[in-house]
Amino acid sequence: QSKGHALRIAVLCLSLLAACTSQT
């Protein structure tokens, strides 16, 4: 199976956007 929803979000954040936005 493909990975869970939360892990997919984290991977897409790293893979497609290259850098996530810091909340602080």
PDB file of all heavy atoms in Angstrom:
ATOM      1  N   GLN A   1       0.827  -1.192   0.000  1.00  0.00           N
ATOM      2  CA  GLN A   1       0.000   0.000   0.000  1.00  0.00           C
ATOM      3  C   GLN A   1       0.867   1.250   0.000  1.00  0.00           C
ATOM      4  O   GLN A   1       2.004   1.233   0.420  1.00  0.00           O
ATOM      5  CB  GLN A   1      -0.885   0.028   1.254  1.00  0.00           C
ATOM      6  CG  GLN A   1      -1.841  -1.130   1.343  1.00  0.00           C
ATOM      7  CD  GLN A   1      -3.247  -0.737   0.918  1.00  0.00           C
ATOM      8  OE1 GLN A   1      -3.424   0.242   0.221  1.00  0.00           O
ATOM      9  NE2 GLN A   1      -4.205  -1.504   1.317  1.00  0.00           N
ATOM     10  N   SER A   2       0.308   2.360  -0.484  1.00  0.00           N
ATOM     11  CA  SER A   2       0.978   3.643  -0.344  1.00  0.00           C
ATOM     12  C   SER A   2       0.906   4.091   1.099  1.00  0.00           C
ATOM     13  O   SER A   2       0.130   3.573   1.882  1.00  0.00           O
ATOM     14  CB  SER A   2       0.341   4.691  -1.253  1.00  0.00           C
ATOM     15  OG  SER A   2      -1.027   4.760  -1.034  1.00  0.00           O
ATOM     16  N   LYS A   3       1.692   5.077   1.508  1.00  0.00           N
ATOM     17  CA  LYS A   3       1.791   5.468   2.900  1.00  0.00           C
ATOM     18  C   LYS A   3       0.564   6.234   3.355  1.00  0.00           C
ATOM     19  O   LYS A   3      -0.269   6.674   2.579  1.00  0.00           O
ATOM     20  CB  LYS A   3       3.037   6.328   3.114  1.00  0.00           C
ATOM     21  CG  LYS A   3       4.317   5.593   2.769  1.00  0.00           C
ATOM     22  CD  LYS A   3       4.493   4.353   3.582  1.00  0.00           C
ATOM     23  CE  LYS A   3       5.683   3.554   3.159  1.00  0.00           C
ATOM     24  NZ  LYS A   3       5.785   2.264   3.806  1.00  0.00           N
ATOM     25  N   GLY A   4       0.468   6.436   4.686  1.00  0.00           N
ATOM     26  CA  GLY A   4      -0.665   7.131   5.273  1.00  0.00           C
ATOM     27  C   GLY A   4      -0.704   8.603   4.931  1.00  0.00           C
ATOM     28  O   GLY A   4       0.272   9.176   4.448  1.00  0.00           O
ATOM     29  N   HIS A   5      -1.845   9.225   5.205  1.00  0.00           N
ATOM     30  CA  HIS A   5      -2.096  10.605   4.810  1.00  0.00           C
ATOM     31  C   HIS A   5      -1.077  11.568   5.412  1.00  0.00           C
ATOM     32  O   HIS A   5      -0.528  12.419   4.711  1.00  0.00           O
ATOM     33  CB  HIS A   5      -3.499  10.991   5.238  1.00  0.00           C
ATOM     34  CG  HIS A   5      -3.885  12.387   4.878  1.00  0.00           C
ATOM     35  ND1 HIS A   5      -3.971  12.800   3.565  1.00  0.00           N
ATOM     36  CD2 HIS A   5      -4.190  13.455   5.652  1.00  0.00           C
ATOM     37  CE1 HIS A   5      -4.340  14.057   3.543  1.00  0.00           C
ATOM     38  NE2 HIS A   5      -4.462  14.485   4.788  1.00  0.00           N
ATOM     39  N   ALA A   6      -0.793  11.441   6.698  1.00  0.00           N
ATOM     40  CA  ALA A   6       0.132  12.379   7.330  1.00  0.00           C
ATOM     41  C   ALA A   6       1.532  12.251   6.760  1.00  0.00           C
ATOM     42  O   ALA A   6       2.221  13.249   6.534  1.00  0.00           O
ATOM     43  CB  ALA A   6       0.170  12.139   8.845  1.00  0.00           C
ATOM     44  N   LEU A   7       1.980  11.025   6.498  1.00  0.00           N
ATOM     45  CA  LEU A   7       3.317  10.835   5.939  1.00  0.00           C
ATOM     46  C   LEU A   7       3.378  11.375   4.522  1.00  0.00           C
ATOM     47  O   LEU A   7       4.363  11.974   4.117  1.00  0.00           O
ATOM     48  CB  LEU A   7       3.685   9.352   5.959  1.00  0.00           C
ATOM     49  CG  LEU A   7       5.103   8.991   5.495  1.00  0.00           C
ATOM     50  CD1 LEU A   7       6.131   9.746   6.302  1.00  0.00           C
ATOM     51  CD2 LEU A   7       5.328   7.500   5.576  1.00  0.00           C
ATOM     52  N   ARG A   8       2.314  11.195   3.732  1.00  0.00           N
ATOM     53  CA  ARG A   8       2.303  11.725   2.376  1.00  0.00           C
ATOM     54  C   ARG A   8       2.420  13.237   2.380  1.00  0.00           C
ATOM     55  O   ARG A   8       3.101  13.841   1.560  1.00  0.00           O
ATOM     56  CB  ARG A   8       1.026  11.287   1.651  1.00  0.00           C
ATOM     57  CG  ARG A   8       1.047   9.839   1.194  1.00  0.00           C
ATOM     58  CD  ARG A   8       0.012   9.610   0.116  1.00  0.00           C
ATOM     59  NE  ARG A   8      -1.329   9.805   0.619  1.00  0.00           N
ATOM     60  CZ  ARG A   8      -2.075   8.838   1.141  1.00  0.00           C
ATOM     61  NH1 ARG A   8      -1.586   7.624   1.233  1.00  0.00           N
ATOM     62  NH2 ARG A   8      -3.297   9.075   1.557  1.00  0.00           N
ATOM     63  N   ILE A   9       1.710  13.891   3.326  1.00  0.00           N
ATOM     64  CA  ILE A   9       1.790  15.346   3.418  1.00  0.00           C
ATOM     65  C   ILE A   9       3.220  15.784   3.721  1.00  0.00           C
ATOM     66  O   ILE A   9       3.761  16.706   3.118  1.00  0.00           O
ATOM     67  CB  ILE A   9       0.829  15.880   4.494  1.00  0.00           C
ATOM     68  CG1 ILE A   9      -0.616  15.707   4.015  1.00  0.00           C
ATOM     69  CG2 ILE A   9       1.109  17.349   4.801  1.00  0.00           C
ATOM     70  CD1 ILE A   9      -1.641  16.096   5.044  1.00  0.00           C
ATOM     71  N   ALA A  10       3.860  15.078   4.667  1.00  0.00           N
ATOM     72  CA  ALA A  10       5.229  15.444   5.025  1.00  0.00           C
ATOM     73  C   ALA A  10       6.173  15.248   3.849  1.00  0.00           C
ATOM     74  O   ALA A  10       7.046  16.077   3.586  1.00  0.00           O
ATOM     75  CB  ALA A  10       5.681  14.603   6.228  1.00  0.00           C
ATOM     76  N   VAL A  11       6.023  14.148   3.119  1.00  0.00           N
ATOM     77  CA  VAL A  11       6.895  13.886   1.986  1.00  0.00           C
ATOM     78  C   VAL A  11       6.669  14.908   0.882  1.00  0.00           C
ATOM     79  O   VAL A  11       7.606  15.426   0.293  1.00  0.00           O
ATOM     80  CB  VAL A  11       6.667  12.456   1.449  1.00  0.00           C
ATOM     81  CG1 VAL A  11       7.411  12.254   0.140  1.00  0.00           C
ATOM     82  CG2 VAL A  11       7.142  11.435   2.468  1.00  0.00           C
ATOM     83  N   LEU A  12       5.402  15.217   0.595  1.00  0.00           N
ATOM     84  CA  LEU A  12       5.122  16.201  -0.443  1.00  0.00           C
ATOM     85  C   LEU A  12       5.681  17.562  -0.073  1.00  0.00           C
ATOM     86  O   LEU A  12       6.180  18.304  -0.911  1.00  0.00           O
ATOM     87  CB  LEU A  12       3.613  16.299  -0.681  1.00  0.00           C
ATOM     88  CG  LEU A  12       2.998  15.115  -1.419  1.00  0.00           C
ATOM     89  CD1 LEU A  12       1.491  15.251  -1.451  1.00  0.00           C
ATOM     90  CD2 LEU A  12       3.544  15.002  -2.825  1.00  0.00           C
ATOM     91  N   CYS A  13       5.618  17.889   1.207  1.00  0.00           N
ATOM     92  CA  CYS A  13       6.166  19.173   1.663  1.00  0.00           C
ATOM     93  C   CYS A  13       7.653  19.247   1.371  1.00  0.00           C
ATOM     94  O   CYS A  13       8.162  20.255   0.890  1.00  0.00           O
ATOM     95  CB  CYS A  13       5.897  19.344   3.150  1.00  0.00           C
ATOM     96  SG  CYS A  13       6.462  20.890   3.840  1.00  0.00           S
ATOM     97  N   LEU A  14       8.351  18.131   1.627  1.00  0.00           N
ATOM     98  CA  LEU A  14       9.793  18.113   1.394  1.00  0.00           C
ATOM     99  C   LEU A  14      10.119  17.970  -0.079  1.00  0.00           C
ATOM    100  O   LEU A  14      11.017  18.619  -0.604  1.00  0.00           O
ATOM    101  CB  LEU A  14      10.423  16.943   2.164  1.00  0.00           C
ATOM    102  CG  LEU A  14      10.542  17.150   3.669  1.00  0.00           C
ATOM    103  CD1 LEU A  14      10.720  15.818   4.350  1.00  0.00           C
ATOM    104  CD2 LEU A  14      11.698  18.065   3.989  1.00  0.00           C
ATOM    105  N   SER A  15       9.367  17.112  -0.756  1.00  0.00           N
ATOM    106  CA  SER A  15       9.733  16.747  -2.109  1.00  0.00           C
ATOM    107  C   SER A  15       9.312  17.760  -3.145  1.00  0.00           C
ATOM    108  O   SER A  15      10.062  18.063  -4.066  1.00  0.00           O
ATOM    109  CB  SER A  15       9.118  15.383  -2.435  1.00  0.00           C
ATOM    110  OG  SER A  15       9.464  14.973  -3.722  1.00  0.00           O
ATOM    111  N   LEU A  16       8.115  18.306  -3.012  1.00  0.00           N
ATOM    112  CA  LEU A  16       7.586  19.176  -4.043  1.00  0.00           C
ATOM    113  C   LEU A  16       7.774  20.654  -3.753  1.00  0.00           C
ATOM    114  O   LEU A  16       7.871  21.463  -4.670  1.00  0.00           O
ATOM    115  CB  LEU A  16       6.099  18.879  -4.253  1.00  0.00           C
ATOM    116  CG  LEU A  16       5.772  17.434  -4.642  1.00  0.00           C
ATOM    117  CD1 LEU A  16       4.282  17.272  -4.845  1.00  0.00           C
ATOM    118  CD2 LEU A  16       6.518  17.035  -5.905  1.00  0.00           C
ATOM    119  N   LEU A  17       7.814  21.013  -2.479  1.00  0.00           N
ATOM    120  CA  LEU A  17       7.960  22.418  -2.127  1.00  0.00           C
ATOM    121  C   LEU A  17       9.364  22.773  -1.679  1.00  0.00           C
ATOM    122  O   LEU A  17       9.698  23.949  -1.538  1.00  0.00           O
ATOM    123  CB  LEU A  17       6.966  22.784  -1.012  1.00  0.00           C
ATOM    124  CG  LEU A  17       5.486  22.558  -1.358  1.00  0.00           C
ATOM    125  CD1 LEU A  17       4.620  23.007  -0.203  1.00  0.00           C
ATOM    126  CD2 LEU A  17       5.110  23.311  -2.619  1.00  0.00           C
ATOM    127  N   ALA A  18      10.159  21.746  -1.382  1.00  0.00           N
ATOM    128  CA  ALA A  18      11.570  21.907  -0.996  1.00  0.00           C
ATOM    129  C   ALA A  18      11.750  22.459   0.395  1.00  0.00           C
ATOM    130  O   ALA A  18      12.695  22.118   1.074  1.00  0.00           O
ATOM    131  CB  ALA A  18      12.333  22.775  -1.993  1.00  0.00           C
ATOM    132  N   ALA A  19      10.863  23.346   0.881  1.00  0.00           N
ATOM    133  CA  ALA A  19      10.995  23.854   2.237  1.00  0.00           C
ATOM    134  C   ALA A  19       9.623  24.187   2.774  1.00  0.00           C
ATOM    135  O   ALA A  19       8.836  24.816   2.094  1.00  0.00           O
ATOM    136  CB  ALA A  19      11.865  25.097   2.267  1.00  0.00           C
ATOM    137  N   CYS A  20       9.340  23.760   4.017  1.00  0.00           N
ATOM    138  CA  CYS A  20       8.058  24.043   4.635  1.00  0.00           C
ATOM    139  C   CYS A  20       8.088  25.422   5.271  1.00  0.00           C
ATOM    140  O   CYS A  20       9.141  25.957   5.575  1.00  0.00           O
ATOM    141  CB  CYS A  20       7.738  23.004   5.710  1.00  0.00           C
ATOM    142  SG  CYS A  20       7.570  21.336   5.054  1.00  0.00           S
ATOM    143  N   THR A  21       6.914  25.980   5.498  1.00  0.00           N
ATOM    144  CA  THR A  21       6.822  27.273   6.157  1.00  0.00           C
ATOM    145  C   THR A  21       6.800  27.076   7.654  1.00  0.00           C
ATOM    146  O   THR A  21       6.002  26.326   8.179  1.00  0.00           O
ATOM    147  CB  THR A  21       5.536  27.997   5.718  1.00  0.00           C
ATOM    148  OG1 THR A  21       5.613  28.185   4.313  1.00  0.00           O
ATOM    149  CG2 THR A  21       5.423  29.344   6.400  1.00  0.00           C
ATOM    150  N   SER A  22       7.686  27.756   8.369  1.00  0.00           N
ATOM    151  CA  SER A  22       7.726  27.666   9.822  1.00  0.00           C
ATOM    152  C   SER A  22       6.509  28.347  10.418  1.00  0.00           C
ATOM    153  O   SER A  22       6.079  29.401   9.969  1.00  0.00           O
ATOM    154  CB  SER A  22       8.999  28.331  10.349  1.00  0.00           C
ATOM    155  OG  SER A  22       8.951  28.469  11.737  1.00  0.00           O
ATOM    156  N   GLN A  23       5.920  27.765  11.443  1.00  0.00           N
ATOM    157  CA  GLN A  23       4.741  28.344  12.071  1.00  0.00           C
ATOM    158  C   GLN A  23       5.109  29.488  12.998  1.00  0.00           C
ATOM    159  O   GLN A  23       4.250  30.259  13.392  1.00  0.00           O
ATOM    160  CB  GLN A  23       3.988  27.258  12.849  1.00  0.00           C
ATOM    161  CG  GLN A  23       3.432  26.174  11.932  1.00  0.00           C
ATOM    162  CD  GLN A  23       2.688  25.116  12.703  1.00  0.00           C
ATOM    163  OE1 GLN A  23       2.689  25.116  13.939  1.00  0.00           O
ATOM    164  NE2 GLN A  23       2.033  24.214  12.005  1.00  0.00           N
ATOM    165  N   THR A  24       6.359  29.616  13.339  1.00  0.00           N
ATOM    166  CA  THR A  24       6.736  30.653  14.294  1.00  0.00           C
ATOM    167  C   THR A  24       7.697  31.675  13.713  1.00  0.00           C
ATOM    168  O   THR A  24       7.728  32.814  14.150  1.00  0.00           O
ATOM    169  CB  THR A  24       7.405  30.020  15.533  1.00  0.00           C
ATOM    170  OG1 THR A  24       8.540  29.262  15.113  1.00  0.00           O
ATOM    171  CG2 THR A  24       6.430  29.118  16.249  1.00  0.00           C
TER     172      THR A  24
END
